[in-house]
Amino acid sequence: MNKVYGAVLFLAAVMLLPQPGRAELKQEYYFDGKTLKREEYLVNGRRDGLTRIYHRNGKVKVEAHFKDGALDGLARRFYKDGSLHTEWYFRNGIPHGESKLYLPNGNLLHVRHYTNGKLDYIDNYRDGRQVDRKFFSDDEQDRADAFESFPLLRTD
C-alpha cells in the first residue's frame, strides 16, 4: 500500500511541474494579495497566448495576444472605467494594420495605418468625423513611436 501511495504522490508532483512546450498560467497580485494585477500564459518562459494586466479597481487595463514572446494579433488598452483607450494590431512583434486611439468619452481621436512597422498615414478625427490625413515618408519614420504609444508592460 505504501508503494502505491508513494507512486501516486510522485506522479502528482511530476504533473504539477511546468512541462516544456506546455502553456503555464502565471498570475501576479497587487499588494493586498486579492486583486489580480497580471495574468499571462508562458511557454518555455516566453509569453504565448493571452496576457491581461488589471487596474487596481479590478477592471482590465491591457489585453494582448502573444506568440512565442512577441505581440501578435490584437492588443487593447482600457481606461480605468473599462472603456476602450487604444487598439493595436501586431504581427511578429511589430505594428501591422490599423491602430486606434479613443478619448475617454468614446470618440475616436485618430487611426494610424501601419505596414510591417512602417507608419503609412494617420487619420485624425474630431467629434466623430475625419478632419485630415497625414502621410509619412520613409524619412519621417520613427518605428519606436508605436511602442511608446502602447506601453504594454507598464502596470502603474
C-alpha atoms as a PDB file:
ATOM      1  CA  MET A   1       0.000   0.000   0.000  1.00  0.00           C
ATOM      2  CA  ASN A   2       2.844   2.443   0.806  1.00  0.00           C
ATOM      3  CA  LYS A   3       4.417   1.817  -2.616  1.00  0.00           C
ATOM      4  CA  VAL A   4       1.139   2.625  -4.372  1.00  0.00           C
ATOM      5  CA  TYR A   5       0.659   5.769  -2.254  1.00  0.00           C
ATOM      6  CA  GLY A   6       4.261   6.850  -2.963  1.00  0.00           C
ATOM      7  CA  ALA A   7       3.824   6.274  -6.707  1.00  0.00           C
ATOM      8  CA  VAL A   8       0.623   8.345  -6.763  1.00  0.00           C
ATOM      9  CA  LEU A   9       2.320  11.217  -4.903  1.00  0.00           C
ATOM     10  CA  PHE A  10       5.284  11.093  -7.285  1.00  0.00           C
ATOM     11  CA  LEU A  11       3.021  11.208 -10.373  1.00  0.00           C
ATOM     12  CA  ALA A  12       1.004  14.080  -8.920  1.00  0.00           C
ATOM     13  CA  ALA A  13       4.179  16.062  -8.215  1.00  0.00           C
ATOM     14  CA  VAL A  14       5.507  15.461 -11.734  1.00  0.00           C
ATOM     15  CA  MET A  15       2.221  16.585 -13.261  1.00  0.00           C
ATOM     16  CA  LEU A  16       2.323  19.869 -11.304  1.00  0.00           C
ATOM     17  CA  LEU A  17       5.801  20.777 -12.572  1.00  0.00           C
ATOM     18  CA  PRO A  18       5.980  23.064 -15.624  1.00  0.00           C
ATOM     19  CA  GLN A  19       6.247  20.925 -18.745  1.00  0.00           C
ATOM     20  CA  PRO A  20       8.431  22.092 -21.652  1.00  0.00           C
ATOM     21  CA  GLY A  21       6.251  23.262 -24.531  1.00  0.00           C
ATOM     22  CA  ARG A  22       3.073  23.471 -22.414  1.00  0.00           C
ATOM     23  CA  ALA A  23       1.366  26.732 -21.531  1.00  0.00           C
ATOM     24  CA  GLU A  24       1.770  27.720 -17.896  1.00  0.00           C
ATOM     25  CA  LEU A  25      -0.508  30.339 -16.318  1.00  0.00           C
ATOM     26  CA  LYS A  26       1.392  32.959 -14.312  1.00  0.00           C
ATOM     27  CA  GLN A  27      -0.560  35.323 -12.056  1.00  0.00           C
ATOM     28  CA  GLU A  28       0.587  38.339 -10.059  1.00  0.00           C
ATOM     29  CA  TYR A  29      -1.468  40.167  -7.415  1.00  0.00           C
ATOM     30  CA  TYR A  30      -1.484  43.703  -6.044  1.00  0.00           C
ATOM     31  CA  PHE A  31      -0.135  44.290  -2.531  1.00  0.00           C
ATOM     32  CA  ASP A  32      -3.472  43.326  -0.948  1.00  0.00           C
ATOM     33  CA  GLY A  33      -2.943  39.761  -2.165  1.00  0.00           C
ATOM     34  CA  LYS A  34      -6.504  39.563  -3.500  1.00  0.00           C
ATOM     35  CA  THR A  35      -6.691  41.870  -6.508  1.00  0.00           C
ATOM     36  CA  LEU A  36      -5.252  40.370  -9.674  1.00  0.00           C
ATOM     37  CA  LYS A  37      -2.591  42.593 -11.270  1.00  0.00           C
ATOM     38  CA  ARG A  38      -1.464  40.443 -14.212  1.00  0.00           C
ATOM     39  CA  GLU A  39      -2.123  37.068 -15.747  1.00  0.00           C
ATOM     40  CA  GLU A  40      -0.243  35.631 -18.675  1.00  0.00           C
ATOM     41  CA  TYR A  41       0.498  32.331 -20.308  1.00  0.00           C
ATOM     42  CA  LEU A  42       4.109  31.288 -20.700  1.00  0.00           C
ATOM     43  CA  VAL A  43       5.554  28.559 -22.892  1.00  0.00           C
ATOM     44  CA  ASN A  44       9.205  27.812 -22.190  1.00  0.00           C
ATOM     45  CA  GLY A  45       9.393  31.071 -20.185  1.00  0.00           C
ATOM     46  CA  ARG A  46       8.047  33.268 -23.015  1.00  0.00           C
ATOM     47  CA  ARG A  47       4.612  34.857 -23.327  1.00  0.00           C
ATOM     48  CA  ASP A  48       2.359  32.840 -25.583  1.00  0.00           C
ATOM     49  CA  GLY A  49      -1.378  33.429 -25.736  1.00  0.00           C
ATOM     50  CA  LEU A  50      -3.497  35.990 -23.949  1.00  0.00           C
ATOM     51  CA  THR A  51      -1.941  38.379 -21.411  1.00  0.00           C
ATOM     52  CA  ARG A  52      -4.093  40.609 -19.216  1.00  0.00           C
ATOM     53  CA  ILE A  53      -2.987  43.422 -16.927  1.00  0.00           C
ATOM     54  CA  TYR A  54      -5.542  44.866 -14.497  1.00  0.00           C
ATOM     55  CA  HIS A  55      -6.175  48.261 -12.938  1.00  0.00           C
ATOM     56  CA  ARG A  56      -6.281  48.302  -9.134  1.00  0.00           C
ATOM     57  CA  ASN A  57     -10.075  48.508  -9.372  1.00  0.00           C
ATOM     58  CA  GLY A  58     -10.106  45.041 -10.976  1.00  0.00           C
ATOM     59  CA  LYS A  59     -11.015  46.177 -14.495  1.00  0.00           C
ATOM     60  CA  VAL A  60      -8.843  45.130 -17.427  1.00  0.00           C
ATOM     61  CA  LYS A  61      -6.097  47.654 -18.235  1.00  0.00           C
ATOM     62  CA  VAL A  62      -4.340  45.795 -21.073  1.00  0.00           C
ATOM     63  CA  GLU A  63      -5.307  42.737 -23.064  1.00  0.00           C
ATOM     64  CA  ALA A  64      -2.857  41.466 -25.673  1.00  0.00           C
ATOM     65  CA  HIS A  65      -2.060  38.343 -27.626  1.00  0.00           C
ATOM     66  CA  PHE A  66       1.467  36.986 -27.827  1.00  0.00           C
ATOM     67  CA  LYS A  67       3.079  34.318 -29.947  1.00  0.00           C
ATOM     68  CA  ASP A  68       6.496  32.985 -28.970  1.00  0.00           C
ATOM     69  CA  GLY A  69       7.237  36.063 -26.839  1.00  0.00           C
ATOM     70  CA  ALA A  70       6.188  38.708 -29.403  1.00  0.00           C
ATOM     71  CA  LEU A  71       2.976  40.698 -29.684  1.00  0.00           C
ATOM     72  CA  ASP A  72       0.881  39.044 -32.364  1.00  0.00           C
ATOM     73  CA  GLY A  73      -2.715  39.966 -33.160  1.00  0.00           C
ATOM     74  CA  LEU A  74      -4.964  42.346 -31.278  1.00  0.00           C
ATOM     75  CA  ALA A  75      -3.700  44.358 -28.294  1.00  0.00           C
ATOM     76  CA  ARG A  76      -6.004  46.708 -26.406  1.00  0.00           C
ATOM     77  CA  ARG A  77      -5.622  49.201 -23.565  1.00  0.00           C
ATOM     78  CA  PHE A  78      -8.554  50.376 -21.432  1.00  0.00           C
ATOM     79  CA  TYR A  79      -9.281  53.385 -19.249  1.00  0.00           C
ATOM     80  CA  LYS A  80      -9.919  52.771 -15.524  1.00  0.00           C
ATOM     81  CA  ASP A  81     -13.679  52.823 -16.112  1.00  0.00           C
ATOM     82  CA  GLY A  82     -13.339  49.947 -18.601  1.00  0.00           C
ATOM     83  CA  SER A  83     -13.874  51.959 -21.781  1.00  0.00           C
ATOM     84  CA  LEU A  84     -11.538  51.379 -24.701  1.00  0.00           C
ATOM     85  CA  HIS A  85      -8.417  53.586 -24.891  1.00  0.00           C
ATOM     86  CA  THR A  86      -6.288  52.063 -27.666  1.00  0.00           C
ATOM     87  CA  GLU A  87      -6.402  49.193 -30.149  1.00  0.00           C
ATOM     88  CA  TRP A  88      -3.336  47.900 -31.987  1.00  0.00           C
ATOM     89  CA  TYR A  89      -2.731  45.045 -34.375  1.00  0.00           C
ATOM     90  CA  PHE A  90       0.670  43.402 -34.352  1.00  0.00           C
ATOM     91  CA  ARG A  91       2.391  40.793 -36.467  1.00  0.00           C
ATOM     92  CA  ASN A  92       5.574  39.188 -35.134  1.00  0.00           C
ATOM     93  CA  GLY A  93       6.056  41.977 -32.586  1.00  0.00           C
ATOM     94  CA  ILE A  94       5.637  44.956 -34.912  1.00  0.00           C
ATOM     95  CA  PRO A  95       2.555  47.084 -35.676  1.00  0.00           C
ATOM     96  CA  HIS A  96       0.719  45.984 -38.787  1.00  0.00           C
ATOM     97  CA  GLY A  97      -2.711  47.264 -39.813  1.00  0.00           C
ATOM     98  CA  GLU A  98      -4.753  49.880 -38.006  1.00  0.00           C
ATOM     99  CA  SER A  99      -4.278  51.252 -34.529  1.00  0.00           C
ATOM    100  CA  LYS A 100      -6.995  53.384 -32.969  1.00  0.00           C
ATOM    101  CA  LEU A 101      -6.884  55.862 -30.107  1.00  0.00           C
ATOM    102  CA  TYR A 102     -10.129  56.795 -28.321  1.00  0.00           C
ATOM    103  CA  LEU A 103     -10.919  59.637 -25.965  1.00  0.00           C
ATOM    104  CA  PRO A 104     -12.454  58.845 -22.546  1.00  0.00           C
ATOM    105  CA  ASN A 105     -15.896  59.808 -23.919  1.00  0.00           C
ATOM    106  CA  GLY A 106     -15.577  57.055 -26.562  1.00  0.00           C
ATOM    107  CA  ASN A 107     -14.931  59.346 -29.523  1.00  0.00           C
ATOM    108  CA  LEU A 108     -12.220  58.272 -31.946  1.00  0.00           C
ATOM    109  CA  LEU A 109      -9.195  60.612 -31.886  1.00  0.00           C
ATOM    110  CA  HIS A 110      -7.039  59.082 -34.598  1.00  0.00           C
ATOM    111  CA  VAL A 111      -6.351  55.968 -36.639  1.00  0.00           C
ATOM    112  CA  ARG A 112      -2.797  55.046 -37.573  1.00  0.00           C
ATOM    113  CA  HIS A 113      -2.145  52.786 -40.542  1.00  0.00           C
ATOM    114  CA  TYR A 114       0.967  50.568 -40.414  1.00  0.00           C
ATOM    115  CA  THR A 115       2.573  48.172 -42.858  1.00  0.00           C
ATOM    116  CA  ASN A 116       5.203  45.921 -41.271  1.00  0.00           C
ATOM    117  CA  GLY A 117       6.054  48.520 -38.616  1.00  0.00           C
ATOM    118  CA  LYS A 118       6.125  51.444 -41.043  1.00  0.00           C
ATOM    119  CA  LEU A 119       3.647  54.229 -40.306  1.00  0.00           C
ATOM    120  CA  ASP A 120       1.958  54.984 -43.626  1.00  0.00           C
ATOM    121  CA  TYR A 121      -0.552  57.627 -42.558  1.00  0.00           C
ATOM    122  CA  ILE A 122      -2.697  58.949 -39.711  1.00  0.00           C
ATOM    123  CA  ASP A 123      -6.378  59.869 -39.953  1.00  0.00           C
ATOM    124  CA  ASN A 124      -7.337  62.483 -37.333  1.00  0.00           C
ATOM    125  CA  TYR A 125     -10.895  62.811 -36.032  1.00  0.00           C
ATOM    126  CA  ARG A 126     -12.892  65.471 -34.232  1.00  0.00           C
ATOM    127  CA  ASP A 127     -16.418  64.884 -32.931  1.00  0.00           C
ATOM    128  CA  GLY A 128     -16.577  61.542 -34.738  1.00  0.00           C
ATOM    129  CA  ARG A 129     -15.638  62.949 -38.150  1.00  0.00           C
ATOM    130  CA  GLN A 130     -12.373  62.632 -40.016  1.00  0.00           C
ATOM    131  CA  VAL A 131     -10.742  66.068 -40.268  1.00  0.00           C
ATOM    132  CA  ASP A 132      -7.466  65.265 -42.004  1.00  0.00           C
ATOM    133  CA  ARG A 133      -4.992  62.620 -43.140  1.00  0.00           C
ATOM    134  CA  LYS A 134      -1.219  62.924 -42.786  1.00  0.00           C
ATOM    135  CA  PHE A 135       1.056  60.727 -44.890  1.00  0.00           C
ATOM    136  CA  PHE A 136       4.567  59.761 -43.756  1.00  0.00           C
ATOM    137  CA  SER A 137       7.618  59.312 -45.926  1.00  0.00           C
ATOM    138  CA  ASP A 138      10.454  56.939 -45.096  1.00  0.00           C
ATOM    139  CA  ASP A 139      12.448  59.924 -43.791  1.00  0.00           C
ATOM    140  CA  GLU A 140       9.724  60.686 -41.218  1.00  0.00           C
ATOM    141  CA  GLN A 141       9.511  57.189 -39.800  1.00  0.00           C
ATOM    142  CA  ASP A 142      10.093  56.566 -36.159  1.00  0.00           C
ATOM    143  CA  ARG A 143       9.315  52.905 -35.537  1.00  0.00           C
ATOM    144  CA  ALA A 144       9.772  53.324 -31.785  1.00  0.00           C
ATOM    145  CA  ASP A 145       6.767  55.685 -31.820  1.00  0.00           C
ATOM    146  CA  ALA A 146       4.380  52.734 -31.978  1.00  0.00           C
ATOM    147  CA  PHE A 147       5.763  51.118 -28.874  1.00  0.00           C
ATOM    148  CA  GLU A 148       5.886  54.346 -26.866  1.00  0.00           C
ATOM    149  CA  SER A 149       2.198  54.889 -27.598  1.00  0.00           C
ATOM    150  CA  PHE A 150       1.257  51.430 -26.357  1.00  0.00           C
ATOM    151  CA  PRO A 151       3.185  50.834 -23.111  1.00  0.00           C
ATOM    152  CA  LEU A 152       2.028  47.247 -22.760  1.00  0.00           C
ATOM    153  CA  LEU A 153       4.401  46.279 -19.989  1.00  0.00           C
ATOM    154  CA  ARG A 154       3.586  49.170 -17.643  1.00  0.00           C
ATOM    155  CA  THR A 155       1.464  48.209 -14.674  1.00  0.00           C
ATOM    156  CA  ASP A 156       1.158  51.557 -12.873  1.00  0.00           C
END
